[in-house]
């Protein structure tokens, strides 16, 4: 599916709506250049999963873990789910993946959102949801392809 958004807010809303169809263990492999909107997409995912924490790119930490608050919105569906937000920009070896806990998260039942997935294509699980974010016709427009 291909979507076009015209602002970061629209990108976040698209992702929030998309999150409603996710289940524990889903892996979203995000592709796109610097400033493409990958973190905005993850902010929307988090909101759609009932996560109220501030979401920022884990560039130096490599992974940030978020959990849904137990509210009326998410108590039944997502309360036990964790969103693991990875930034693989600086990852270059299998040892890097092991040391940041990537393989453990894959087996944990968490929902994974992986920025800079192009750096770890060979380590992505079969069935990962590919989200490619491309520049659109204007500075704020994004073309988002989900396969």
C-alpha atoms as a PDB file:
ATOM      1  CA  UNK A   1       0.000   0.000   0.000  1.00  0.00           C
ATOM      2  CA  UNK A   2       1.185   3.515  -0.730  1.00  0.00           C
ATOM      3  CA  UNK A   3       0.179   6.589   1.244  1.00  0.00           C
ATOM      4  CA  UNK A   4       1.017  10.270   0.885  1.00  0.00           C
ATOM      5  CA  UNK A   5       1.227  12.573   3.898  1.00  0.00           C
ATOM      6  CA  UNK A   6       1.657  16.337   3.853  1.00  0.00           C
ATOM      7  CA  UNK A   7       3.100  16.972   7.322  1.00  0.00           C
ATOM      8  CA  UNK A   8       4.791  15.227  10.231  1.00  0.00           C
ATOM      9  CA  UNK A   9       1.415  15.275  12.025  1.00  0.00           C
ATOM     10  CA  UNK A  10      -0.205  13.388   9.129  1.00  0.00           C
ATOM     11  CA  UNK A  11       2.666  10.871   9.124  1.00  0.00           C
ATOM     12  CA  UNK A  12       2.149  10.309  12.853  1.00  0.00           C
ATOM     13  CA  UNK A  13      -1.615   9.890  12.395  1.00  0.00           C
ATOM     14  CA  UNK A  14      -1.113   7.383   9.580  1.00  0.00           C
ATOM     15  CA  UNK A  15       1.204   5.352  11.823  1.00  0.00           C
ATOM     16  CA  UNK A  16      -1.199   5.604  14.798  1.00  0.00           C
ATOM     17  CA  UNK A  17      -3.974   4.174  12.628  1.00  0.00           C
ATOM     18  CA  UNK A  18      -1.627   1.487  11.284  1.00  0.00           C
ATOM     19  CA  UNK A  19      -0.633   0.484  14.844  1.00  0.00           C
ATOM     20  CA  UNK A  20      -4.162  -0.682  15.583  1.00  0.00           C
ATOM     21  CA  UNK A  21      -3.558  -3.708  13.347  1.00  0.00           C
ATOM     22  CA  UNK A  22      -0.254  -4.720  14.946  1.00  0.00           C
ATOM     23  CA  UNK A  23       0.272  -7.688  17.235  1.00  0.00           C
ATOM     24  CA  UNK A  24       3.073  -8.715  19.545  1.00  0.00           C
ATOM     25  CA  UNK A  25       6.071  -9.988  17.614  1.00  0.00           C
ATOM     26  CA  UNK A  26       5.470  -7.794  14.557  1.00  0.00           C
ATOM     27  CA  UNK A  27       8.630  -6.219  13.127  1.00  0.00           C
ATOM     28  CA  UNK A  28       8.510  -2.975  11.167  1.00  0.00           C
ATOM     29  CA  UNK A  29      11.617  -2.381   9.071  1.00  0.00           C
ATOM     30  CA  UNK A  30      11.824   1.347   8.367  1.00  0.00           C
ATOM     31  CA  UNK A  31      13.771   2.567   5.338  1.00  0.00           C
ATOM     32  CA  UNK A  32      14.479   6.166   4.404  1.00  0.00           C
ATOM     33  CA  UNK A  33      17.170   8.801   4.406  1.00  0.00           C
ATOM     34  CA  UNK A  34      18.108  11.268   7.089  1.00  0.00           C
ATOM     35  CA  UNK A  35      15.085  13.421   7.942  1.00  0.00           C
ATOM     36  CA  UNK A  36      12.688  11.185   6.025  1.00  0.00           C
ATOM     37  CA  UNK A  37      10.221  10.921   8.904  1.00  0.00           C
ATOM     38  CA  UNK A  38      11.096   7.540  10.401  1.00  0.00           C
ATOM     39  CA  UNK A  39      10.989   8.804  13.992  1.00  0.00           C
ATOM     40  CA  UNK A  40       7.719  10.659  13.325  1.00  0.00           C
ATOM     41  CA  UNK A  41       6.293   7.352  12.098  1.00  0.00           C
ATOM     42  CA  UNK A  42       7.433   5.600  15.296  1.00  0.00           C
ATOM     43  CA  UNK A  43       5.933   8.404  17.426  1.00  0.00           C
ATOM     44  CA  UNK A  44       2.625   7.700  15.711  1.00  0.00           C
ATOM     45  CA  UNK A  45       2.980   3.951  16.251  1.00  0.00           C
ATOM     46  CA  UNK A  46       3.595   4.548  19.939  1.00  0.00           C
ATOM     47  CA  UNK A  47       0.534   6.773  20.257  1.00  0.00           C
ATOM     48  CA  UNK A  48      -1.587   4.220  18.401  1.00  0.00           C
ATOM     49  CA  UNK A  49      -0.409   1.547  20.855  1.00  0.00           C
ATOM     50  CA  UNK A  50      -1.413   3.674  23.847  1.00  0.00           C
ATOM     51  CA  UNK A  51       2.129   4.733  24.732  1.00  0.00           C
ATOM     52  CA  UNK A  52       2.186   8.206  26.234  1.00  0.00           C
ATOM     53  CA  UNK A  53       5.979   8.522  26.673  1.00  0.00           C
ATOM     54  CA  UNK A  54       7.968  10.995  24.588  1.00  0.00           C
ATOM     55  CA  UNK A  55       9.485   9.090  21.660  1.00  0.00           C
ATOM     56  CA  UNK A  56      12.873  10.116  20.325  1.00  0.00           C
ATOM     57  CA  UNK A  57      15.388   8.480  18.038  1.00  0.00           C
ATOM     58  CA  UNK A  58      17.693   6.092  19.930  1.00  0.00           C
ATOM     59  CA  UNK A  59      20.704   7.066  17.815  1.00  0.00           C
ATOM     60  CA  UNK A  60      23.347   6.577  20.510  1.00  0.00           C
ATOM     61  CA  UNK A  61      21.470   4.163  22.786  1.00  0.00           C
ATOM     62  CA  UNK A  62      20.548   1.989  19.752  1.00  0.00           C
ATOM     63  CA  UNK A  63      17.272   0.916  21.408  1.00  0.00           C
ATOM     64  CA  UNK A  64      14.549   2.583  23.459  1.00  0.00           C
ATOM     65  CA  UNK A  65      11.836   0.476  25.035  1.00  0.00           C
ATOM     66  CA  UNK A  66       8.322   1.820  25.574  1.00  0.00           C
ATOM     67  CA  UNK A  67       5.323   0.217  27.262  1.00  0.00           C
ATOM     68  CA  UNK A  68       1.668   1.113  26.981  1.00  0.00           C
ATOM     69  CA  UNK A  69       0.022   2.749  29.956  1.00  0.00           C
ATOM     70  CA  UNK A  70      -2.885   0.798  31.381  1.00  0.00           C
ATOM     71  CA  UNK A  71      -5.696   3.043  30.199  1.00  0.00           C
ATOM     72  CA  UNK A  72      -9.146   2.305  28.897  1.00  0.00           C
ATOM     73  CA  UNK A  73      -7.796   2.631  25.354  1.00  0.00           C
ATOM     74  CA  UNK A  74      -5.091   0.007  25.623  1.00  0.00           C
ATOM     75  CA  UNK A  75      -5.764  -2.034  28.751  1.00  0.00           C
ATOM     76  CA  UNK A  76      -7.195  -5.009  26.921  1.00  0.00           C
ATOM     77  CA  UNK A  77      -5.282  -5.029  23.668  1.00  0.00           C
ATOM     78  CA  UNK A  78      -1.815  -3.588  24.212  1.00  0.00           C
ATOM     79  CA  UNK A  79      -1.130  -3.422  27.955  1.00  0.00           C
ATOM     80  CA  UNK A  80       1.280  -6.333  27.813  1.00  0.00           C
ATOM     81  CA  UNK A  81       3.009  -5.222  24.622  1.00  0.00           C
ATOM     82  CA  UNK A  82       6.315  -3.466  24.448  1.00  0.00           C
ATOM     83  CA  UNK A  83       7.492  -1.289  21.581  1.00  0.00           C
ATOM     84  CA  UNK A  84      11.231  -1.637  20.991  1.00  0.00           C
ATOM     85  CA  UNK A  85      12.487   1.266  18.871  1.00  0.00           C
ATOM     86  CA  UNK A  86      15.852   0.588  17.249  1.00  0.00           C
ATOM     87  CA  UNK A  87      18.186   2.927  15.367  1.00  0.00           C
ATOM     88  CA  UNK A  88      20.616   0.794  13.358  1.00  0.00           C
ATOM     89  CA  UNK A  89      22.509   3.701  11.810  1.00  0.00           C
ATOM     90  CA  UNK A  90      25.715   2.859  13.702  1.00  0.00           C
ATOM     91  CA  UNK A  91      25.297  -0.926  13.670  1.00  0.00           C
ATOM     92  CA  UNK A  92      27.638  -2.774  11.356  1.00  0.00           C
ATOM     93  CA  UNK A  93      28.266  -6.269  12.763  1.00  0.00           C
ATOM     94  CA  UNK A  94      26.378  -9.258  14.144  1.00  0.00           C
ATOM     95  CA  UNK A  95      28.171  -8.579  17.431  1.00  0.00           C
ATOM     96  CA  UNK A  96      26.597  -5.106  17.523  1.00  0.00           C
ATOM     97  CA  UNK A  97      23.170  -6.700  17.076  1.00  0.00           C
ATOM     98  CA  UNK A  98      23.820  -9.179  19.864  1.00  0.00           C
ATOM     99  CA  UNK A  99      25.143  -6.567  22.277  1.00  0.00           C
ATOM    100  CA  UNK A 100      22.100  -4.299  21.888  1.00  0.00           C
ATOM    101  CA  UNK A 101      19.732  -7.212  22.541  1.00  0.00           C
ATOM    102  CA  UNK A 102      18.234  -7.266  19.048  1.00  0.00           C
ATOM    103  CA  UNK A 103      17.888 -11.055  18.859  1.00  0.00           C
ATOM    104  CA  UNK A 104      16.407 -11.201  22.375  1.00  0.00           C
ATOM    105  CA  UNK A 105      13.784  -8.611  21.402  1.00  0.00           C
ATOM    106  CA  UNK A 106      12.896 -10.643  18.302  1.00  0.00           C
ATOM    107  CA  UNK A 107      11.963 -13.552  20.571  1.00  0.00           C
ATOM    108  CA  UNK A 108      10.299 -11.460  23.287  1.00  0.00           C
ATOM    109  CA  UNK A 109       6.939 -10.817  21.642  1.00  0.00           C
ATOM    110  CA  UNK A 110       7.637  -7.080  21.526  1.00  0.00           C
ATOM    111  CA  UNK A 111       6.672  -4.989  18.524  1.00  0.00           C
ATOM    112  CA  UNK A 112       9.909  -3.811  16.895  1.00  0.00           C
ATOM    113  CA  UNK A 113      10.274  -0.601  14.898  1.00  0.00           C
ATOM    114  CA  UNK A 114      13.719  -0.516  13.283  1.00  0.00           C
ATOM    115  CA  UNK A 115      15.091   2.691  11.791  1.00  0.00           C
ATOM    116  CA  UNK A 116      17.908   2.354   9.236  1.00  0.00           C
ATOM    117  CA  UNK A 117      16.890  -1.222   8.430  1.00  0.00           C
ATOM    118  CA  UNK A 118      18.956  -1.007   5.266  1.00  0.00           C
ATOM    119  CA  UNK A 119      21.989  -1.545   7.532  1.00  0.00           C
ATOM    120  CA  UNK A 120      20.727  -4.921   8.807  1.00  0.00           C
ATOM    121  CA  UNK A 121      18.712  -6.353   5.905  1.00  0.00           C
ATOM    122  CA  UNK A 122      20.262  -9.802   6.331  1.00  0.00           C
ATOM    123  CA  UNK A 123      19.199  -9.869  10.007  1.00  0.00           C
ATOM    124  CA  UNK A 124      15.553  -8.920   9.430  1.00  0.00           C
ATOM    125  CA  UNK A 125      13.121 -11.743  10.093  1.00  0.00           C
ATOM    126  CA  UNK A 126      11.065 -13.270   7.328  1.00  0.00           C
ATOM    127  CA  UNK A 127       7.708 -11.531   7.310  1.00  0.00           C
ATOM    128  CA  UNK A 128       8.991  -8.171   8.539  1.00  0.00           C
ATOM    129  CA  UNK A 129       6.703  -5.316   7.488  1.00  0.00           C
ATOM    130  CA  UNK A 130       8.706  -3.017   5.210  1.00  0.00           C
ATOM    131  CA  UNK A 131       7.940   0.714   5.587  1.00  0.00           C
ATOM    132  CA  UNK A 132       9.774   2.882   3.070  1.00  0.00           C
ATOM    133  CA  UNK A 133       9.492   6.641   3.564  1.00  0.00           C
ATOM    134  CA  UNK A 134      10.405   8.765   0.548  1.00  0.00           C
ATOM    135  CA  UNK A 135      10.373  12.513  -0.074  1.00  0.00           C
ATOM    136  CA  UNK A 136       7.313  13.820  -1.885  1.00  0.00           C
ATOM    137  CA  UNK A 137       6.703  16.767  -4.177  1.00  0.00           C
ATOM    138  CA  UNK A 138       7.068  19.374  -1.403  1.00  0.00           C
ATOM    139  CA  UNK A 139       9.364  19.672   1.625  1.00  0.00           C
ATOM    140  CA  UNK A 140       6.713  18.360   4.024  1.00  0.00           C
ATOM    141  CA  UNK A 141       5.221  15.688   1.760  1.00  0.00           C
ATOM    142  CA  UNK A 142       6.169  12.027   2.264  1.00  0.00           C
ATOM    143  CA  UNK A 143       5.335   8.956   0.207  1.00  0.00           C
ATOM    144  CA  UNK A 144       5.065   5.960   2.505  1.00  0.00           C
ATOM    145  CA  UNK A 145       5.111   2.479   0.964  1.00  0.00           C
ATOM    146  CA  UNK A 146       4.132  -0.437   3.223  1.00  0.00           C
ATOM    147  CA  UNK A 147       4.747  -3.991   2.056  1.00  0.00           C
END
